[in-house]
Amino acid sequence: MKKTTLAFIMVLSVFTMMAQNETIRVKYQGSSPKIGDFAKAYLSSIPSAKEADDCDQEGLYMYDAMKQAMSRQSKGLPLRKNEKLTIDSKNGYILYEFRYDVEEVSRIEMCYWNMTDGKHKLFACVRQWFVNGIFRCGQYDSRNFYRYSNATKTMRNCSPADIGIDKAPIMEDDNYISFTLPQTGKDIIVKWWKDNRKLKEKKLKWNGRRFSF
C-alpha cells in the first residue's frame, strides 16, 4: 500500500518529541535499573504542563498525571477513579491508562529489553489514544526508543534505522497502525485499524540487537 505524506509527518513527530536529543541519567539502587527507574528518568526529562506554553499543556498533562500516579502508588495511596497503573517489575513493563470519559482512554506503555552485547538495554515508551477500544491515532501519540548504557548509566534516543523500527509503517493509506509493547515475551505487536475494526496484526521481532518486521 502507498504511504502518504501524513505518514512522513507522523514519523517526524514520533521520533523528535520532547528531550529526544538529551542525555537522560537513570538513577537506581542495586545492581541494575528496573522499569520503574527507567520510567522515572524518562518522565523527569519531560517538562511539566505548568511550565509549558498554552499550546503544549494539553499534550504534557498526561505525563504529569502519570508521574503523580506513580508517586501515589509508591506511597500506598489510591489513584483517581479515571486512572489505572500497572507496574510489572518482574517483566520490565508499565501500563498507565487515563480515561477522559466512558469512551476515550489514553495509554502509556513502557518496557525495556536487555541487549546481547551485555553493555546496553533498550527502553521504549509508547503513548496511544483509543475510543471504545479502537485505536484512533491521537495528536499527542508518540513512540520513543532509547539505548541505555550500563557504563554511563545514561540513555539517549535511538534512530528508527538503528533498531529496525523504520521497517514498520506508521500509517498506510487511511489505515491507522498501533504498537503494543510486550509485558511477556520480547516482540512488539503491530496492528492495522480501519473503520472501527482491526484489520490484521504482525510482529516486530526482537533478536537482542534490533527488530525485524
C-alpha atoms as a PDB file:
ATOM      1  CA  MET A   1       0.000   0.000   0.000  1.00  0.00           C
ATOM      2  CA  LYS A   2       1.162   3.508  -0.745  1.00  0.00           C
ATOM      3  CA  LYS A   3       2.424   5.536   2.189  1.00  0.00           C
ATOM      4  CA  THR A   4       1.028   9.033   2.439  1.00  0.00           C
ATOM      5  CA  THR A   5       2.611  12.398   3.186  1.00  0.00           C
ATOM      6  CA  LEU A   6       0.903  12.235   6.551  1.00  0.00           C
ATOM      7  CA  ALA A   7       2.977   9.180   7.367  1.00  0.00           C
ATOM      8  CA  PHE A   8       6.152  11.219   6.906  1.00  0.00           C
ATOM      9  CA  ILE A   9       4.834  13.998   9.149  1.00  0.00           C
ATOM     10  CA  MET A  10       3.917  11.458  11.818  1.00  0.00           C
ATOM     11  CA  VAL A  11       7.363   9.876  11.684  1.00  0.00           C
ATOM     12  CA  LEU A  12       8.927  13.266  12.373  1.00  0.00           C
ATOM     13  CA  SER A  13       6.633  13.954  15.300  1.00  0.00           C
ATOM     14  CA  VAL A  14       7.097  10.460  16.753  1.00  0.00           C
ATOM     15  CA  PHE A  15      10.881  10.489  16.840  1.00  0.00           C
ATOM     16  CA  THR A  16      11.618  14.160  17.619  1.00  0.00           C
ATOM     17  CA  MET A  17       9.315  14.655  20.593  1.00  0.00           C
ATOM     18  CA  MET A  18      10.484  16.131  23.914  1.00  0.00           C
ATOM     19  CA  ALA A  19      14.028  15.616  25.132  1.00  0.00           C
ATOM     20  CA  GLN A  20      14.926  13.371  22.215  1.00  0.00           C
ATOM     21  CA  ASN A  21      18.424  14.802  21.815  1.00  0.00           C
ATOM     22  CA  GLU A  22      19.225  14.993  25.506  1.00  0.00           C
ATOM     23  CA  THR A  23      21.146  12.519  27.603  1.00  0.00           C
ATOM     24  CA  ILE A  24      18.903  11.155  30.355  1.00  0.00           C
ATOM     25  CA  ARG A  25      20.543   9.919  33.544  1.00  0.00           C
ATOM     26  CA  VAL A  26      18.906   6.883  35.131  1.00  0.00           C
ATOM     27  CA  LYS A  27      19.171   6.751  38.925  1.00  0.00           C
ATOM     28  CA  TYR A  28      18.697   3.425  40.667  1.00  0.00           C
ATOM     29  CA  GLN A  29      19.669   1.270  43.600  1.00  0.00           C
ATOM     30  CA  GLY A  30      21.024  -2.247  43.310  1.00  0.00           C
ATOM     31  CA  SER A  31      22.969  -3.872  40.508  1.00  0.00           C
ATOM     32  CA  SER A  32      20.855  -2.623  37.579  1.00  0.00           C
ATOM     33  CA  PRO A  33      17.888  -0.335  36.866  1.00  0.00           C
ATOM     34  CA  LYS A  34      14.321  -1.631  36.916  1.00  0.00           C
ATOM     35  CA  ILE A  35      11.439  -0.494  34.724  1.00  0.00           C
ATOM     36  CA  GLY A  36      10.313   1.971  37.402  1.00  0.00           C
ATOM     37  CA  ASP A  37      13.754   3.601  37.330  1.00  0.00           C
ATOM     38  CA  PHE A  38      13.599   3.995  33.545  1.00  0.00           C
ATOM     39  CA  ALA A  39      10.077   5.400  33.776  1.00  0.00           C
ATOM     40  CA  LYS A  40      11.016   7.973  36.414  1.00  0.00           C
ATOM     41  CA  ALA A  41      14.067   9.065  34.444  1.00  0.00           C
ATOM     42  CA  TYR A  42      12.095   9.420  31.219  1.00  0.00           C
ATOM     43  CA  LEU A  43       9.183  11.282  32.829  1.00  0.00           C
ATOM     44  CA  SER A  44      11.588  13.600  34.666  1.00  0.00           C
ATOM     45  CA  SER A  45      13.066  14.628  31.303  1.00  0.00           C
ATOM     46  CA  ILE A  46       9.670  15.890  30.112  1.00  0.00           C
ATOM     47  CA  PRO A  47       8.659  19.442  31.117  1.00  0.00           C
ATOM     48  CA  SER A  48       5.667  19.898  33.379  1.00  0.00           C
ATOM     49  CA  ALA A  49       2.496  21.187  31.729  1.00  0.00           C
ATOM     50  CA  LYS A  50       2.599  24.112  34.166  1.00  0.00           C
ATOM     51  CA  GLU A  51       5.939  25.220  32.713  1.00  0.00           C
ATOM     52  CA  ALA A  52       4.928  24.880  29.064  1.00  0.00           C
ATOM     53  CA  ASP A  53       3.253  27.225  26.593  1.00  0.00           C
ATOM     54  CA  ASP A  54      -0.524  27.034  26.377  1.00  0.00           C
ATOM     55  CA  CYS A  55      -0.367  25.104  23.094  1.00  0.00           C
ATOM     56  CA  ASP A  56       1.758  22.353  24.693  1.00  0.00           C
ATOM     57  CA  GLN A  57      -0.019  21.991  28.020  1.00  0.00           C
ATOM     58  CA  GLU A  58      -2.688  19.544  26.875  1.00  0.00           C
ATOM     59  CA  GLY A  59      -0.134  17.116  25.474  1.00  0.00           C
ATOM     60  CA  LEU A  60       2.064  17.268  28.576  1.00  0.00           C
ATOM     61  CA  TYR A  61      -0.727  16.878  31.110  1.00  0.00           C
ATOM     62  CA  MET A  62      -0.856  13.110  30.576  1.00  0.00           C
ATOM     63  CA  TYR A  63       2.783  12.735  31.630  1.00  0.00           C
ATOM     64  CA  ASP A  64       2.218  14.874  34.715  1.00  0.00           C
ATOM     65  CA  ALA A  65      -0.715  12.649  35.632  1.00  0.00           C
ATOM     66  CA  MET A  66       1.419   9.525  35.261  1.00  0.00           C
ATOM     67  CA  LYS A  67       4.163  10.992  37.468  1.00  0.00           C
ATOM     68  CA  GLN A  68       1.594  11.725  40.155  1.00  0.00           C
ATOM     69  CA  ALA A  69       0.020   8.265  39.842  1.00  0.00           C
ATOM     70  CA  MET A  70       3.405   6.568  40.276  1.00  0.00           C
ATOM     71  CA  SER A  71       4.141   8.724  43.311  1.00  0.00           C
ATOM     72  CA  ARG A  72       0.768   7.977  44.892  1.00  0.00           C
ATOM     73  CA  GLN A  73       1.058   4.248  44.270  1.00  0.00           C
ATOM     74  CA  SER A  74       4.562   4.140  45.794  1.00  0.00           C
ATOM     75  CA  LYS A  75       3.134   5.735  48.956  1.00  0.00           C
ATOM     76  CA  GLY A  76       0.221   3.292  49.115  1.00  0.00           C
ATOM     77  CA  LEU A  77      -2.310   5.990  48.243  1.00  0.00           C
ATOM     78  CA  PRO A  78      -5.296   5.342  45.944  1.00  0.00           C
ATOM     79  CA  LEU A  79      -5.291   6.519  42.337  1.00  0.00           C
ATOM     80  CA  ARG A  80      -8.010   8.686  40.872  1.00  0.00           C
ATOM     81  CA  LYS A  81     -11.096   6.848  39.605  1.00  0.00           C
ATOM     82  CA  ASN A  82     -10.213   7.513  35.970  1.00  0.00           C
ATOM     83  CA  GLU A  83      -6.700   6.056  36.254  1.00  0.00           C
ATOM     84  CA  LYS A  84      -5.110   2.607  36.153  1.00  0.00           C
ATOM     85  CA  LEU A  85      -1.426   1.875  36.710  1.00  0.00           C
ATOM     86  CA  THR A  86       0.318  -1.485  36.316  1.00  0.00           C
ATOM     87  CA  ILE A  87       3.999  -1.715  37.266  1.00  0.00           C
ATOM     88  CA  ASP A  88       5.295  -5.205  36.485  1.00  0.00           C
ATOM     89  CA  SER A  89       8.897  -5.051  37.688  1.00  0.00           C
ATOM     90  CA  LYS A  90       9.484  -8.756  37.113  1.00  0.00           C
ATOM     91  CA  ASN A  91       8.719  -8.467  33.387  1.00  0.00           C
ATOM     92  CA  GLY A  92      10.050  -4.921  32.977  1.00  0.00           C
ATOM     93  CA  TYR A  93       6.716  -3.448  31.892  1.00  0.00           C
ATOM     94  CA  ILE A  94       4.461  -0.497  32.837  1.00  0.00           C
ATOM     95  CA  LEU A  95       0.969   0.427  31.617  1.00  0.00           C
ATOM     96  CA  TYR A  96      -0.727   3.691  32.600  1.00  0.00           C
ATOM     97  CA  GLU A  97      -4.297   4.415  31.473  1.00  0.00           C
ATOM     98  CA  PHE A  98      -6.020   7.775  31.779  1.00  0.00           C
ATOM     99  CA  ARG A  99      -9.723   7.717  30.944  1.00  0.00           C
ATOM    100  CA  TYR A 100     -11.193  11.007  29.750  1.00  0.00           C
ATOM    101  CA  ASP A 101     -14.760   9.662  29.687  1.00  0.00           C
ATOM    102  CA  VAL A 102     -16.587   6.373  29.175  1.00  0.00           C
ATOM    103  CA  GLU A 103     -15.341   6.034  25.598  1.00  0.00           C
ATOM    104  CA  GLU A 104     -11.922   7.717  25.401  1.00  0.00           C
ATOM    105  CA  VAL A 105      -8.725   6.491  27.043  1.00  0.00           C
ATOM    106  CA  SER A 106      -5.050   7.330  26.570  1.00  0.00           C
ATOM    107  CA  ARG A 107      -2.466   4.657  27.304  1.00  0.00           C
ATOM    108  CA  ILE A 108       1.237   4.919  28.009  1.00  0.00           C
ATOM    109  CA  GLU A 109       3.194   1.674  27.797  1.00  0.00           C
ATOM    110  CA  MET A 110       6.840   1.322  28.799  1.00  0.00           C
ATOM    111  CA  CYS A 111       9.222  -1.630  28.743  1.00  0.00           C
ATOM    112  CA  TYR A 112      12.881  -2.468  28.231  1.00  0.00           C
ATOM    113  CA  TRP A 113      14.972  -5.180  26.607  1.00  0.00           C
ATOM    114  CA  ASN A 114      18.437  -6.463  27.528  1.00  0.00           C
ATOM    115  CA  MET A 115      20.795  -6.260  24.550  1.00  0.00           C
ATOM    116  CA  THR A 116      23.037  -9.184  23.613  1.00  0.00           C
ATOM    117  CA  ASP A 117      26.263  -7.178  23.971  1.00  0.00           C
ATOM    118  CA  GLY A 118      25.690  -7.183  27.737  1.00  0.00           C
ATOM    119  CA  LYS A 119      26.515  -3.471  27.827  1.00  0.00           C
ATOM    120  CA  HIS A 120      23.226  -1.842  26.861  1.00  0.00           C
ATOM    121  CA  LYS A 121      19.472  -2.005  27.293  1.00  0.00           C
ATOM    122  CA  LEU A 122      16.736  -0.661  25.030  1.00  0.00           C
ATOM    123  CA  PHE A 123      13.913   1.334  26.639  1.00  0.00           C
ATOM    124  CA  ALA A 124      10.625   2.141  24.893  1.00  0.00           C
ATOM    125  CA  CYS A 125       7.686   4.411  25.667  1.00  0.00           C
ATOM    126  CA  VAL A 126       4.553   4.309  23.509  1.00  0.00           C
ATOM    127  CA  ARG A 127       1.608   6.669  24.006  1.00  0.00           C
ATOM    128  CA  GLN A 128      -1.671   5.994  22.163  1.00  0.00           C
ATOM    129  CA  TRP A 129      -5.319   7.074  22.168  1.00  0.00           C
ATOM    130  CA  PHE A 130      -8.285   4.682  21.938  1.00  0.00           C
ATOM    131  CA  VAL A 131     -12.044   5.215  21.576  1.00  0.00           C
ATOM    132  CA  ASN A 132     -14.252   2.271  22.557  1.00  0.00           C
ATOM    133  CA  GLY A 133     -11.189   0.049  22.332  1.00  0.00           C
ATOM    134  CA  ILE A 134     -10.390   1.177  18.763  1.00  0.00           C
ATOM    135  CA  PHE A 135      -7.051   2.879  18.055  1.00  0.00           C
ATOM    136  CA  ARG A 136      -7.628   6.436  16.838  1.00  0.00           C
ATOM    137  CA  CYS A 137      -4.119   7.881  16.406  1.00  0.00           C
ATOM    138  CA  GLY A 138      -4.392  10.964  18.632  1.00  0.00           C
ATOM    139  CA  GLN A 139      -2.421  14.138  18.015  1.00  0.00           C
ATOM    140  CA  TYR A 140      -0.206  13.520  21.069  1.00  0.00           C
ATOM    141  CA  ASP A 141       0.584   9.878  20.301  1.00  0.00           C
ATOM    142  CA  SER A 142       4.279   9.002  20.258  1.00  0.00           C
ATOM    143  CA  ARG A 143       6.744   6.088  20.030  1.00  0.00           C
ATOM    144  CA  ASN A 144      10.117   6.711  21.602  1.00  0.00           C
ATOM    145  CA  PHE A 145      13.113   4.384  21.927  1.00  0.00           C
ATOM    146  CA  TYR A 146      16.291   4.932  23.948  1.00  0.00           C
ATOM    147  CA  ARG A 147      19.545   2.978  24.265  1.00  0.00           C
ATOM    148  CA  TYR A 148      20.784   2.763  27.845  1.00  0.00           C
ATOM    149  CA  SER A 149      24.498   2.341  28.631  1.00  0.00           C
ATOM    150  CA  ASN A 150      25.417   0.268  31.677  1.00  0.00           C
ATOM    151  CA  ALA A 151      28.773   2.063  31.848  1.00  0.00           C
ATOM    152  CA  THR A 152      27.498   5.659  31.923  1.00  0.00           C
ATOM    153  CA  LYS A 153      24.071   4.951  33.487  1.00  0.00           C
ATOM    154  CA  THR A 154      22.512   7.211  30.865  1.00  0.00           C
ATOM    155  CA  MET A 155      20.228   6.725  27.869  1.00  0.00           C
ATOM    156  CA  ARG A 156      19.975   8.513  24.540  1.00  0.00           C
ATOM    157  CA  ASN A 157      17.377   8.426  21.775  1.00  0.00           C
ATOM    158  CA  CYS A 158      17.790   5.733  19.096  1.00  0.00           C
ATOM    159  CA  SER A 159      17.141   6.449  15.458  1.00  0.00           C
ATOM    160  CA  PRO A 160      14.460   4.192  13.923  1.00  0.00           C
ATOM    161  CA  ALA A 161      17.006   2.736  11.487  1.00  0.00           C
ATOM    162  CA  ASP A 162      19.405   1.747  14.288  1.00  0.00           C
ATOM    163  CA  ILE A 163      16.910  -0.686  15.803  1.00  0.00           C
ATOM    164  CA  GLY A 164      14.826  -1.709  12.770  1.00  0.00           C
ATOM    165  CA  ILE A 165      11.748   0.308  13.715  1.00  0.00           C
ATOM    166  CA  ASP A 166      11.945   2.169  10.390  1.00  0.00           C
ATOM    167  CA  LYS A 167      10.778  -1.034   8.675  1.00  0.00           C
ATOM    168  CA  ALA A 168       7.400  -0.845  10.417  1.00  0.00           C
ATOM    169  CA  PRO A 169       4.879   1.545   8.832  1.00  0.00           C
ATOM    170  CA  ILE A 170       3.406   4.422  10.817  1.00  0.00           C
ATOM    171  CA  MET A 171       0.386   4.804   8.550  1.00  0.00           C
ATOM    172  CA  GLU A 172      -0.609   3.222   5.244  1.00  0.00           C
ATOM    173  CA  ASP A 173      -3.256   4.903   3.113  1.00  0.00           C
ATOM    174  CA  ASP A 174      -6.108   5.511   5.570  1.00  0.00           C
ATOM    175  CA  ASN A 175      -5.229   2.607   7.873  1.00  0.00           C
ATOM    176  CA  TYR A 176      -4.039   3.597  11.347  1.00  0.00           C
ATOM    177  CA  ILE A 177      -1.329   1.459  12.922  1.00  0.00           C
ATOM    178  CA  SER A 178      -0.760   0.856  16.641  1.00  0.00           C
ATOM    179  CA  PHE A 179       2.118  -0.660  18.630  1.00  0.00           C
ATOM    180  CA  THR A 180       1.625  -2.923  21.664  1.00  0.00           C
ATOM    181  CA  LEU A 181       4.708  -3.386  23.835  1.00  0.00           C
ATOM    182  CA  PRO A 182       5.355  -6.813  25.370  1.00  0.00           C
ATOM    183  CA  GLN A 183       4.547  -7.486  29.006  1.00  0.00           C
ATOM    184  CA  THR A 184       5.571 -11.066  28.366  1.00  0.00           C
ATOM    185  CA  GLY A 185       7.799 -12.186  25.527  1.00  0.00           C
ATOM    186  CA  LYS A 186      10.050  -9.839  23.580  1.00  0.00           C
ATOM    187  CA  ASP A 187       8.198  -8.842  20.402  1.00  0.00           C
ATOM    188  CA  ILE A 188       6.131  -5.730  19.632  1.00  0.00           C
ATOM    189  CA  ILE A 189       2.665  -6.362  18.177  1.00  0.00           C
ATOM    190  CA  VAL A 190       1.796  -4.066  15.261  1.00  0.00           C
ATOM    191  CA  LYS A 191      -1.923  -3.735  14.453  1.00  0.00           C
ATOM    192  CA  TRP A 192      -3.716  -2.178  11.470  1.00  0.00           C
ATOM    193  CA  TRP A 193      -7.072  -0.427  12.098  1.00  0.00           C
ATOM    194  CA  LYS A 194      -9.775   0.884   9.763  1.00  0.00           C
ATOM    195  CA  ASP A 195     -13.484   1.696  10.036  1.00  0.00           C
ATOM    196  CA  ASN A 196     -13.769   0.825  13.743  1.00  0.00           C
ATOM    197  CA  ARG A 197     -12.156  -2.580  13.455  1.00  0.00           C
ATOM    198  CA  LYS A 198      -8.777  -4.278  13.480  1.00  0.00           C
ATOM    199  CA  LEU A 199      -7.711  -5.488  10.038  1.00  0.00           C
ATOM    200  CA  LYS A 200      -4.603  -7.525  10.869  1.00  0.00           C
ATOM    201  CA  GLU A 201      -1.543  -7.713  13.075  1.00  0.00           C
ATOM    202  CA  LYS A 202       2.132  -8.620  12.706  1.00  0.00           C
ATOM    203  CA  LYS A 203       5.159  -8.781  14.985  1.00  0.00           C
ATOM    204  CA  LEU A 204       8.274  -6.678  15.251  1.00  0.00           C
ATOM    205  CA  LYS A 205      10.614  -9.479  16.332  1.00  0.00           C
ATOM    206  CA  TRP A 206      13.436  -8.699  18.759  1.00  0.00           C
ATOM    207  CA  ASN A 207      16.760 -10.513  18.260  1.00  0.00           C
ATOM    208  CA  GLY A 208      18.720  -8.898  21.090  1.00  0.00           C
ATOM    209  CA  ARG A 209      20.094  -6.075  18.939  1.00  0.00           C
ATOM    210  CA  ARG A 210      17.244  -4.795  16.757  1.00  0.00           C
ATOM    211  CA  PHE A 211      13.790  -5.598  15.426  1.00  0.00           C
ATOM    212  CA  SER A 212      12.834  -7.317  12.179  1.00  0.00           C
ATOM    213  CA  PHE A 213       9.443  -6.929  10.523  1.00  0.00           C
END
